[in-house]
Amino acid sequence: MKKPLVPTAYVLLNSDLGSDESIISEVKQILEKEDVKYEVQGVYGVYDVVLKLTSNDAEKLRVIITNKVRKINKVQSTLTMMVIEEQENL
């Protein structure tokens, strides 16, 4: 049985040096007020923070990423990957 398709986005964030913990905290504050499920972690490598967002509304994910997450102070850049919903159940 196939599971229902749920819009999902992965957002990789680059931050100012040493600001990853404050960004993670701010992401949590923002997303606790939204009707989305999320996971946020600091990571080693090219990016500093990885964020996974899921919602029943793909447009809501786009709005949150564009208007809230990307505008967090000390976020230098982001890379967003939206899951191709049609391929989730292959």
N, C-alpha and C. Protein backbone atom coordinates (compact mmCIF):
# COMPACT_ATOMS: atom_id res chain seq x y z
N MET A 1 0.84 -1.19 0.00
CA MET A 1 0.00 0.00 0.00
C MET A 1 0.89 1.25 0.00
N LYS A 2 0.55 2.17 -0.87
CA LYS A 2 1.34 3.39 -0.97
C LYS A 2 0.94 4.38 0.11
N LYS A 3 1.94 5.06 0.67
CA LYS A 3 1.66 6.10 1.66
C LYS A 3 1.24 7.37 0.93
N PRO A 4 0.46 8.24 1.57
CA PRO A 4 0.07 9.48 0.90
C PRO A 4 1.28 10.39 0.67
N LEU A 5 1.21 11.15 -0.42
CA LEU A 5 2.29 12.06 -0.75
C LEU A 5 2.23 13.28 0.15
N VAL A 6 3.37 13.65 0.71
CA VAL A 6 3.46 14.81 1.58
C VAL A 6 4.55 15.72 1.06
N PRO A 7 4.21 16.97 0.71
CA PRO A 7 5.25 17.89 0.25
C PRO A 7 6.37 18.02 1.29
N THR A 8 7.60 17.85 0.83
CA THR A 8 8.78 17.88 1.70
C THR A 8 9.86 18.73 1.04
N ALA A 9 10.55 19.51 1.87
CA ALA A 9 11.67 20.31 1.38
C ALA A 9 12.85 20.13 2.32
N TYR A 10 14.03 20.06 1.74
CA TYR A 10 15.28 20.08 2.49
C TYR A 10 15.94 21.41 2.20
N VAL A 11 16.33 22.13 3.24
CA VAL A 11 16.97 23.43 3.08
C VAL A 11 18.34 23.37 3.74
N LEU A 12 19.38 23.64 2.95
CA LEU A 12 20.74 23.69 3.46
C LEU A 12 21.10 25.16 3.64
N LEU A 13 21.61 25.52 4.81
CA LEU A 13 21.91 26.92 5.11
C LEU A 13 23.38 27.12 5.37
N ASN A 14 23.93 28.20 4.83
CA ASN A 14 25.26 28.69 5.18
C ASN A 14 25.07 29.87 6.10
N SER A 15 25.87 29.92 7.16
CA SER A 15 25.70 30.99 8.14
C SER A 15 27.02 31.70 8.40
N ASP A 16 26.92 32.86 9.06
CA ASP A 16 28.12 33.53 9.53
C ASP A 16 28.84 32.60 10.50
N LEU A 17 30.13 32.71 10.58
CA LEU A 17 30.94 31.86 11.44
C LEU A 17 30.45 31.91 12.89
N GLY A 18 30.17 30.75 13.46
CA GLY A 18 29.77 30.65 14.86
C GLY A 18 28.33 31.00 15.16
N SER A 19 27.52 31.21 14.13
CA SER A 19 26.13 31.61 14.37
C SER A 19 25.13 30.48 14.17
N ASP A 20 25.61 29.25 13.94
CA ASP A 20 24.70 28.15 13.64
C ASP A 20 23.72 27.87 14.79
N GLU A 21 24.17 27.94 16.03
CA GLU A 21 23.28 27.65 17.16
C GLU A 21 22.17 28.69 17.26
N SER A 22 22.48 29.96 17.05
CA SER A 22 21.44 30.99 17.12
C SER A 22 20.47 30.86 15.95
N ILE A 23 20.96 30.45 14.80
CA ILE A 23 20.08 30.25 13.65
C ILE A 23 19.14 29.08 13.90
N ILE A 24 19.67 27.99 14.43
CA ILE A 24 18.82 26.84 14.76
C ILE A 24 17.74 27.24 15.74
N SER A 25 18.09 28.00 16.75
CA SER A 25 17.13 28.48 17.73
C SER A 25 16.05 29.34 17.08
N GLU A 26 16.45 30.23 16.19
CA GLU A 26 15.49 31.10 15.52
C GLU A 26 14.59 30.32 14.57
N VAL A 27 15.15 29.34 13.87
CA VAL A 27 14.34 28.48 13.00
C VAL A 27 13.26 27.79 13.82
N LYS A 28 13.63 27.25 14.97
CA LYS A 28 12.65 26.58 15.83
C LYS A 28 11.56 27.54 16.29
N GLN A 29 11.93 28.76 16.67
CA GLN A 29 10.95 29.75 17.10
C GLN A 29 9.97 30.08 15.98
N ILE A 30 10.48 30.23 14.77
CA ILE A 30 9.63 30.54 13.63
C ILE A 30 8.69 29.38 13.32
N LEU A 31 9.23 28.16 13.25
CA LEU A 31 8.46 27.03 12.79
C LEU A 31 7.47 26.49 13.82
N GLU A 32 7.72 26.75 15.11
CA GLU A 32 6.75 26.33 16.13
C GLU A 32 5.41 27.03 15.96
N LYS A 33 5.41 28.19 15.29
CA LYS A 33 4.18 28.95 15.07
C LYS A 33 3.49 28.56 13.76
N GLU A 34 4.12 27.72 12.97
CA GLU A 34 3.59 27.32 11.67
C GLU A 34 3.02 25.91 11.74
N ASP A 35 2.12 25.62 10.82
CA ASP A 35 1.51 24.29 10.75
C ASP A 35 2.35 23.40 9.82
N VAL A 36 3.59 23.13 10.26
CA VAL A 36 4.50 22.27 9.50
C VAL A 36 5.25 21.37 10.48
N LYS A 37 5.71 20.25 9.96
CA LYS A 37 6.61 19.39 10.73
C LYS A 37 8.02 19.74 10.27
N TYR A 38 8.96 19.68 11.21
CA TYR A 38 10.33 20.05 10.83
C TYR A 38 11.35 19.31 11.67
N GLU A 39 12.54 19.21 11.09
CA GLU A 39 13.74 18.74 11.79
C GLU A 39 14.84 19.72 11.41
N VAL A 40 15.63 20.13 12.39
CA VAL A 40 16.73 21.05 12.10
C VAL A 40 17.96 20.59 12.87
N GLN A 41 19.10 20.57 12.17
CA GLN A 41 20.35 20.07 12.76
C GLN A 41 21.52 20.90 12.26
N GLY A 42 22.50 21.11 13.12
CA GLY A 42 23.79 21.64 12.69
C GLY A 42 24.57 20.50 12.07
N VAL A 43 25.33 20.79 11.01
CA VAL A 43 26.09 19.75 10.33
C VAL A 43 27.50 20.24 10.02
N TYR A 44 28.41 19.30 9.81
CA TYR A 44 29.76 19.60 9.35
C TYR A 44 29.77 19.52 7.83
N GLY A 45 30.62 20.30 7.22
CA GLY A 45 30.76 20.23 5.76
C GLY A 45 30.56 21.58 5.12
N VAL A 46 30.14 21.56 3.88
CA VAL A 46 29.97 22.79 3.10
C VAL A 46 28.87 23.67 3.71
N TYR A 47 27.83 23.06 4.24
CA TYR A 47 26.73 23.80 4.85
C TYR A 47 26.81 23.70 6.36
N ASP A 48 26.13 24.61 7.04
CA ASP A 48 26.20 24.68 8.51
C ASP A 48 24.96 24.12 9.19
N VAL A 49 23.81 24.23 8.53
CA VAL A 49 22.54 23.79 9.11
C VAL A 49 21.73 23.10 8.02
N VAL A 50 21.06 22.01 8.38
CA VAL A 50 20.14 21.35 7.45
C VAL A 50 18.76 21.35 8.10
N LEU A 51 17.75 21.68 7.28
CA LEU A 51 16.38 21.78 7.75
C LEU A 51 15.50 20.93 6.85
N LYS A 52 14.67 20.08 7.45
CA LYS A 52 13.70 19.29 6.70
C LYS A 52 12.32 19.80 7.10
N LEU A 53 11.53 20.16 6.10
CA LEU A 53 10.18 20.66 6.33
C LEU A 53 9.17 19.78 5.61
N THR A 54 8.06 19.47 6.27
CA THR A 54 6.96 18.78 5.62
C THR A 54 5.66 19.47 5.97
N SER A 55 4.76 19.50 5.01
CA SER A 55 3.46 20.13 5.18
C SER A 55 2.51 19.53 4.17
N ASN A 56 1.24 19.69 4.41
CA ASN A 56 0.26 19.24 3.42
C ASN A 56 0.14 20.22 2.27
N ASP A 57 0.81 21.35 2.36
CA ASP A 57 0.70 22.43 1.39
C ASP A 57 2.09 22.85 0.90
N ALA A 58 2.44 22.49 -0.33
CA ALA A 58 3.75 22.82 -0.88
C ALA A 58 3.96 24.33 -0.98
N GLU A 59 2.90 25.07 -1.29
CA GLU A 59 3.03 26.53 -1.38
C GLU A 59 3.38 27.12 -0.02
N LYS A 60 2.83 26.56 1.04
CA LYS A 60 3.15 27.03 2.39
C LYS A 60 4.65 26.86 2.67
N LEU A 61 5.21 25.73 2.24
CA LEU A 61 6.64 25.49 2.42
C LEU A 61 7.45 26.56 1.69
N ARG A 62 7.06 26.86 0.46
CA ARG A 62 7.78 27.87 -0.32
C ARG A 62 7.73 29.24 0.37
N VAL A 63 6.57 29.60 0.88
CA VAL A 63 6.41 30.90 1.54
C VAL A 63 7.27 30.97 2.80
N ILE A 64 7.26 29.91 3.61
CA ILE A 64 8.05 29.89 4.84
C ILE A 64 9.54 30.00 4.52
N ILE A 65 9.99 29.23 3.55
CA ILE A 65 11.41 29.24 3.20
C ILE A 65 11.82 30.62 2.67
N THR A 66 11.03 31.16 1.75
CA THR A 66 11.38 32.43 1.10
C THR A 66 11.24 33.62 2.04
N ASN A 67 10.14 33.69 2.76
CA ASN A 67 9.82 34.89 3.54
C ASN A 67 10.28 34.85 4.99
N LYS A 68 10.64 33.68 5.49
CA LYS A 68 11.03 33.60 6.89
C LYS A 68 12.43 33.03 7.08
N VAL A 69 12.67 31.81 6.62
CA VAL A 69 13.96 31.15 6.85
C VAL A 69 15.09 31.91 6.17
N ARG A 70 14.90 32.28 4.90
CA ARG A 70 15.98 32.95 4.16
C ARG A 70 16.28 34.33 4.70
N LYS A 71 15.35 34.92 5.45
CA LYS A 71 15.54 36.27 5.97
C LYS A 71 16.09 36.31 7.39
N ILE A 72 16.41 35.15 7.95
CA ILE A 72 17.01 35.11 9.28
C ILE A 72 18.37 35.80 9.25
N ASN A 73 18.60 36.66 10.22
CA ASN A 73 19.86 37.36 10.32
C ASN A 73 21.01 36.35 10.43
N LYS A 74 22.09 36.59 9.76
CA LYS A 74 23.31 35.78 9.76
C LYS A 74 23.23 34.54 8.86
N VAL A 75 22.11 34.35 8.14
CA VAL A 75 22.06 33.32 7.11
C VAL A 75 22.64 33.94 5.84
N GLN A 76 23.75 33.38 5.37
CA GLN A 76 24.41 33.94 4.18
C GLN A 76 23.77 33.46 2.90
N SER A 77 23.41 32.16 2.84
CA SER A 77 22.81 31.60 1.64
C SER A 77 22.07 30.32 1.99
N THR A 78 21.19 29.92 1.07
CA THR A 78 20.45 28.67 1.26
C THR A 78 20.43 27.90 -0.05
N LEU A 79 20.22 26.60 0.06
CA LEU A 79 19.98 25.73 -1.08
C LEU A 79 18.75 24.91 -0.72
N THR A 80 17.68 25.06 -1.49
CA THR A 80 16.44 24.36 -1.20
C THR A 80 16.21 23.26 -2.22
N MET A 81 15.86 22.08 -1.71
CA MET A 81 15.54 20.94 -2.57
C MET A 81 14.15 20.46 -2.21
N MET A 82 13.23 20.56 -3.16
CA MET A 82 11.88 20.07 -2.97
C MET A 82 11.82 18.62 -3.46
N VAL A 83 11.25 17.74 -2.66
CA VAL A 83 11.11 16.34 -3.03
C VAL A 83 10.12 16.24 -4.19
N ILE A 84 10.45 15.41 -5.18
CA ILE A 84 9.55 15.17 -6.30
C ILE A 84 8.49 14.19 -5.81
N GLU A 85 7.32 14.71 -5.53
CA GLU A 85 6.28 13.93 -4.87
C GLU A 85 5.89 12.68 -5.67
N GLU A 86 5.91 12.78 -7.00
CA GLU A 86 5.50 11.64 -7.82
C GLU A 86 6.46 10.46 -7.67
N GLN A 87 7.68 10.70 -7.21
CA GLN A 87 8.67 9.63 -7.10
C GLN A 87 8.77 9.04 -5.70
N GLU A 88 8.04 9.61 -4.72
CA GLU A 88 8.17 9.14 -3.34
C GLU A 88 7.76 7.68 -3.18
N ASN A 89 6.83 7.22 -3.98
CA ASN A 89 6.28 5.87 -3.79
C ASN A 89 6.78 4.85 -4.82
N LEU A 90 7.84 5.19 -5.53
CA LEU A 90 8.38 4.22 -6.51
C LEU A 90 9.01 3.06 -5.82
